[in-house]
């Protein structure tokens, strides 16, 4: 069994996907699997991934018969993971080579829900001067109650994209949803906005704390084709925070 799975969902991003897979291959931790799930791309993403897999047995490639939308594709990738720990790496993003080496040891503690780092967001890889989500000095344990309340009330203090973290595979498999009861929207499944933030909070509920590591280990590519550029995204996050706030009030 590999020590970790890196799951790369892709749709029509051949060149960027190759860069993402290469960053996964370049991890200093070698005992991994890299799962590419092509969501019925109409470009050569699937063929490019197969070409990589022929040269690296750690790379496993799958293709959906039809486009099932991004969030269901994340879930399919998680269902294919064979390791105890998994992370989503979106096809337009990159990992620093020591991401797994620096993050995985913290998950040995059964009280740790997940591990996240700051992220570099720029149009050119690693070029941003001020990373996002670097709100602590040094490696920091954030207690579950603080994490969830801050996520519900503060924008951009904690990460929302699951691409910034690594978690146990079982949590990735069971804590990503495609809708929010009482806040229904077609855009949750088609953008991932809102349901991604709630993945952090729902996962955290079952553990003592969330671990921040003081390394900028993740690069999010800023480009016009990013799902985060969809006009419905702000409302989806607003709904998710209202959903989370209402759930917290009911739990008191």
Protein backbone atom coordinates (compact mmCIF):
# COMPACT_ATOMS: atom_id res chain seq x y z
CA UNK A 1 0.00 0.00 0.00
CA UNK A 2 1.43 3.45 -0.89
CA UNK A 3 1.88 5.98 1.90
CA UNK A 4 -0.20 8.63 0.17
CA UNK A 5 -2.42 9.23 -2.84
CA UNK A 6 -2.35 12.39 -4.92
CA UNK A 7 -5.61 12.70 -6.85
CA UNK A 8 -5.64 14.88 -9.97
CA UNK A 9 -9.06 15.48 -11.54
CA UNK A 10 -8.81 16.96 -15.04
CA UNK A 11 -11.01 18.32 -17.79
CA UNK A 12 -9.52 19.89 -20.93
CA UNK A 13 -6.28 21.05 -19.30
CA UNK A 14 -3.68 18.90 -20.98
CA UNK A 15 -0.61 21.13 -20.60
CA UNK A 16 -1.39 22.28 -17.06
CA UNK A 17 -2.27 18.73 -16.03
CA UNK A 18 1.15 17.51 -17.15
CA UNK A 19 2.75 20.17 -14.92
CA UNK A 20 0.57 19.09 -11.99
CA UNK A 21 1.48 15.42 -12.42
CA UNK A 22 5.16 16.32 -12.71
CA UNK A 23 5.01 18.20 -9.39
CA UNK A 24 3.43 15.10 -7.82
CA UNK A 25 6.11 12.85 -9.31
CA UNK A 26 8.81 15.13 -7.90
CA UNK A 27 7.78 14.63 -4.26
CA UNK A 28 10.69 13.72 -2.00
CA UNK A 29 8.45 10.97 -0.62
CA UNK A 30 8.59 8.35 -3.35
CA UNK A 31 6.16 5.73 -2.02
CA UNK A 32 2.99 7.29 -3.45
CA UNK A 33 0.31 6.77 -6.05
CA UNK A 34 -0.84 9.47 -8.46
CA UNK A 35 -4.43 9.08 -9.65
CA UNK A 36 -5.50 11.04 -12.73
CA UNK A 37 -9.25 11.02 -13.42
CA UNK A 38 -10.17 12.50 -16.79
CA UNK A 39 -13.69 13.88 -16.89
CA UNK A 40 -14.39 13.04 -20.57
CA UNK A 41 -12.06 15.72 -21.89
CA UNK A 42 -12.34 16.74 -25.52
CA UNK A 43 -8.66 17.66 -25.74
CA UNK A 44 -5.72 15.26 -25.34
CA UNK A 45 -5.65 15.28 -21.52
CA UNK A 46 -6.42 11.56 -21.28
CA UNK A 47 -3.79 10.59 -23.87
CA UNK A 48 -1.19 12.82 -22.20
CA UNK A 49 -1.88 11.19 -18.83
CA UNK A 50 -1.60 7.71 -20.34
CA UNK A 51 1.77 8.69 -21.81
CA UNK A 52 3.03 9.64 -18.35
CA UNK A 53 1.65 6.43 -16.81
CA UNK A 54 3.56 4.30 -19.31
CA UNK A 55 6.79 5.70 -17.91
CA UNK A 56 5.88 5.79 -14.20
CA UNK A 57 4.07 2.87 -12.57
CA UNK A 58 2.98 5.13 -9.70
CA UNK A 59 0.59 6.95 -12.08
CA UNK A 60 -2.87 5.43 -12.55
CA UNK A 61 -5.20 6.91 -15.18
CA UNK A 62 -8.99 6.68 -15.40
CA UNK A 63 -11.54 8.23 -17.73
CA UNK A 64 -15.26 8.88 -17.18
CA UNK A 65 -17.64 7.84 -19.95
CA UNK A 66 -19.29 11.27 -19.72
CA UNK A 67 -18.61 14.53 -17.91
CA UNK A 68 -19.97 14.08 -14.39
CA UNK A 69 -19.05 17.57 -13.19
CA UNK A 70 -16.03 18.56 -11.11
CA UNK A 71 -17.20 17.64 -7.61
CA UNK A 72 -18.34 14.15 -8.54
CA UNK A 73 -15.01 13.74 -10.29
CA UNK A 74 -13.21 14.67 -7.06
CA UNK A 75 -15.28 12.03 -5.30
CA UNK A 76 -14.52 9.41 -7.93
CA UNK A 77 -10.81 10.08 -7.56
CA UNK A 78 -11.08 9.70 -3.79
CA UNK A 79 -12.93 6.39 -4.23
CA UNK A 80 -9.98 5.04 -6.24
CA UNK A 81 -7.33 5.83 -3.63
CA UNK A 82 -5.51 2.88 -2.07
CA UNK A 83 -3.62 4.66 0.69
CA UNK A 84 -4.53 5.89 4.16
CA UNK A 85 -3.90 9.54 3.26
CA UNK A 86 -5.00 11.50 0.20
CA UNK A 87 -4.87 14.97 -1.23
CA UNK A 88 -6.59 16.60 -4.16
CA UNK A 89 -4.27 18.37 -6.57
CA UNK A 90 -6.28 20.25 -9.14
CA UNK A 91 -5.01 20.03 -12.69
CA UNK A 92 -4.04 23.71 -12.83
CA UNK A 93 -2.13 23.66 -9.52
CA UNK A 94 1.28 22.51 -8.32
CA UNK A 95 2.92 21.05 -5.21
CA UNK A 96 6.28 21.92 -3.76
CA UNK A 97 8.60 18.87 -3.70
CA UNK A 98 8.51 18.53 0.10
CA UNK A 99 4.75 18.82 0.49
CA UNK A 100 4.20 15.23 1.58
CA UNK A 101 7.45 15.01 3.54
CA UNK A 102 6.48 18.06 5.59
CA UNK A 103 2.77 17.35 6.05
CA UNK A 104 2.25 13.61 6.47
CA UNK A 105 4.00 13.17 9.86
CA UNK A 106 1.37 15.33 11.56
CA UNK A 107 -1.39 12.91 10.54
CA UNK A 108 0.20 10.22 12.71
CA UNK A 109 -1.58 11.96 15.60
CA UNK A 110 -5.16 10.61 15.74
CA UNK A 111 -6.31 13.99 17.04
CA UNK A 112 -5.26 15.78 13.86
CA UNK A 113 -8.09 16.27 11.34
CA UNK A 114 -6.03 17.43 8.39
CA UNK A 115 -2.92 19.40 7.52
CA UNK A 116 -2.80 22.55 5.42
CA UNK A 117 -0.14 25.02 4.33
CA UNK A 118 -0.20 28.53 2.94
CA UNK A 119 -0.66 28.78 -0.82
CA UNK A 120 0.97 30.83 -3.53
CA UNK A 121 -1.59 32.33 -5.95
CA UNK A 122 -0.20 33.84 -9.15
CA UNK A 123 -0.27 33.61 -12.92
CA UNK A 124 3.37 32.45 -12.93
CA UNK A 125 4.39 29.50 -10.72
CA UNK A 126 5.49 30.48 -7.20
CA UNK A 127 5.82 34.18 -8.11
CA UNK A 128 3.44 35.71 -5.54
CA UNK A 129 5.21 37.69 -2.81
CA UNK A 130 2.53 37.24 -0.15
CA UNK A 131 1.06 33.73 0.17
CA UNK A 132 -2.54 33.24 1.26
CA UNK A 133 -3.54 31.60 4.56
CA UNK A 134 -0.23 32.31 6.31
CA UNK A 135 -1.96 33.68 9.40
CA UNK A 136 0.24 31.92 11.97
CA UNK A 137 3.93 31.97 12.80
CA UNK A 138 5.43 28.50 12.87
CA UNK A 139 3.61 25.17 12.80
CA UNK A 140 0.35 25.70 14.67
CA UNK A 141 -2.46 23.52 16.00
CA UNK A 142 -5.86 25.20 15.55
CA UNK A 143 -8.46 23.79 17.88
CA UNK A 144 -11.59 22.54 16.16
CA UNK A 145 -14.00 25.06 17.73
CA UNK A 146 -11.81 28.01 16.73
CA UNK A 147 -11.32 26.68 13.22
CA UNK A 148 -15.02 26.13 12.56
CA UNK A 149 -16.17 29.46 14.03
CA UNK A 150 -13.52 31.39 12.11
CA UNK A 151 -14.40 29.56 8.91
CA UNK A 152 -18.04 30.53 9.39
CA UNK A 153 -17.35 34.19 10.13
CA UNK A 154 -14.14 35.27 8.38
CA UNK A 155 -13.37 35.33 4.67
CA UNK A 156 -9.96 34.08 3.53
CA UNK A 157 -8.59 33.39 7.01
CA UNK A 158 -8.56 29.63 6.60
CA UNK A 159 -8.38 27.87 3.22
CA UNK A 160 -11.46 26.75 1.39
CA UNK A 161 -10.04 24.72 -1.49
CA UNK A 162 -9.20 21.12 -0.52
CA UNK A 163 -6.16 21.56 -2.77
CA UNK A 164 -4.44 23.31 0.15
CA UNK A 165 -4.60 20.31 2.49
CA UNK A 166 -4.04 16.61 2.96
CA UNK A 167 -6.36 14.41 5.00
CA UNK A 168 -7.20 10.82 5.67
CA UNK A 169 -8.63 9.13 2.61
CA UNK A 170 -11.78 8.04 4.44
CA UNK A 171 -12.59 11.68 5.27
CA UNK A 172 -12.04 12.82 1.71
CA UNK A 173 -14.38 10.07 0.56
CA UNK A 174 -17.23 10.87 2.95
CA UNK A 175 -17.07 14.64 3.58
CA UNK A 176 -17.50 16.16 0.12
CA UNK A 177 -21.14 16.85 -0.72
CA UNK A 178 -22.82 18.22 -3.84
CA UNK A 179 -25.55 20.23 -2.13
CA UNK A 180 -26.49 21.95 1.12
CA UNK A 181 -29.87 21.30 2.69
CA UNK A 182 -31.85 24.53 2.78
CA UNK A 183 -29.39 26.30 0.48
CA UNK A 184 -29.91 24.35 -2.73
CA UNK A 185 -28.01 25.47 -5.81
CA UNK A 186 -26.95 23.85 -9.07
CA UNK A 187 -23.60 25.59 -8.77
CA UNK A 188 -22.23 23.63 -5.80
CA UNK A 189 -21.62 20.55 -7.93
CA UNK A 190 -20.51 22.50 -10.99
CA UNK A 191 -18.01 24.80 -9.23
CA UNK A 192 -17.19 23.11 -5.91
CA UNK A 193 -17.61 26.47 -4.17
CA UNK A 194 -19.01 26.15 -0.67
CA UNK A 195 -18.86 22.37 -0.50
CA UNK A 196 -15.06 22.61 -0.52
CA UNK A 197 -15.00 24.91 2.52
CA UNK A 198 -17.43 22.64 4.35
CA UNK A 199 -15.13 19.68 3.71
CA UNK A 200 -12.65 21.26 6.13
CA UNK A 201 -15.25 21.98 8.79
CA UNK A 202 -17.12 18.68 8.61
CA UNK A 203 -13.82 16.81 8.78
CA UNK A 204 -12.60 18.92 11.70
CA UNK A 205 -15.73 18.11 13.72
CA UNK A 206 -14.49 14.57 14.25
CA UNK A 207 -11.03 15.52 15.55
CA UNK A 208 -9.36 17.72 18.13
CA UNK A 209 -7.55 20.16 15.87
CA UNK A 210 -6.42 21.19 12.40
CA UNK A 211 -2.68 21.49 11.74
CA UNK A 212 -1.14 24.46 9.92
CA UNK A 213 2.40 23.96 8.61
CA UNK A 214 4.60 27.00 8.11
CA UNK A 215 5.72 26.23 4.57
CA UNK A 216 4.35 27.55 1.28
CA UNK A 217 3.89 24.16 -0.33
CA UNK A 218 1.01 24.72 -2.75
CA UNK A 219 0.68 26.87 -5.86
CA UNK A 220 -2.74 27.84 -7.22
CA UNK A 221 -2.56 29.07 -10.80
CA UNK A 222 -4.54 32.28 -11.35
CA UNK A 223 -6.17 32.24 -14.79
CA UNK A 224 -9.47 33.13 -16.43
CA UNK A 225 -10.46 29.49 -16.95
CA UNK A 226 -10.32 28.74 -13.23
CA UNK A 227 -13.58 27.58 -11.64
CA UNK A 228 -13.03 30.18 -8.92
CA UNK A 229 -13.68 32.87 -11.58
CA UNK A 230 -17.34 31.73 -12.01
CA UNK A 231 -19.75 34.56 -11.05
CA UNK A 232 -21.80 32.24 -8.79
CA UNK A 233 -18.84 31.44 -6.55
CA UNK A 234 -19.23 34.30 -3.99
CA UNK A 235 -22.89 33.43 -3.39
CA UNK A 236 -22.03 29.75 -2.97
CA UNK A 237 -19.55 30.60 -0.21
CA UNK A 238 -22.01 32.97 1.41
CA UNK A 239 -24.58 30.18 1.49
CA UNK A 240 -22.05 27.72 2.91
CA UNK A 241 -21.19 30.08 5.76
CA UNK A 242 -24.88 30.62 6.52
CA UNK A 243 -25.40 26.85 6.45
CA UNK A 244 -22.48 26.35 8.83
CA UNK A 245 -23.62 29.14 11.16
CA UNK A 246 -27.14 27.73 11.34
CA UNK A 247 -25.77 24.27 12.09
CA UNK A 248 -23.63 25.67 14.90
CA UNK A 249 -26.61 27.49 16.42
CA UNK A 250 -28.73 24.31 16.33
CA UNK A 251 -25.95 22.34 18.04
CA UNK A 252 -25.87 24.62 21.10
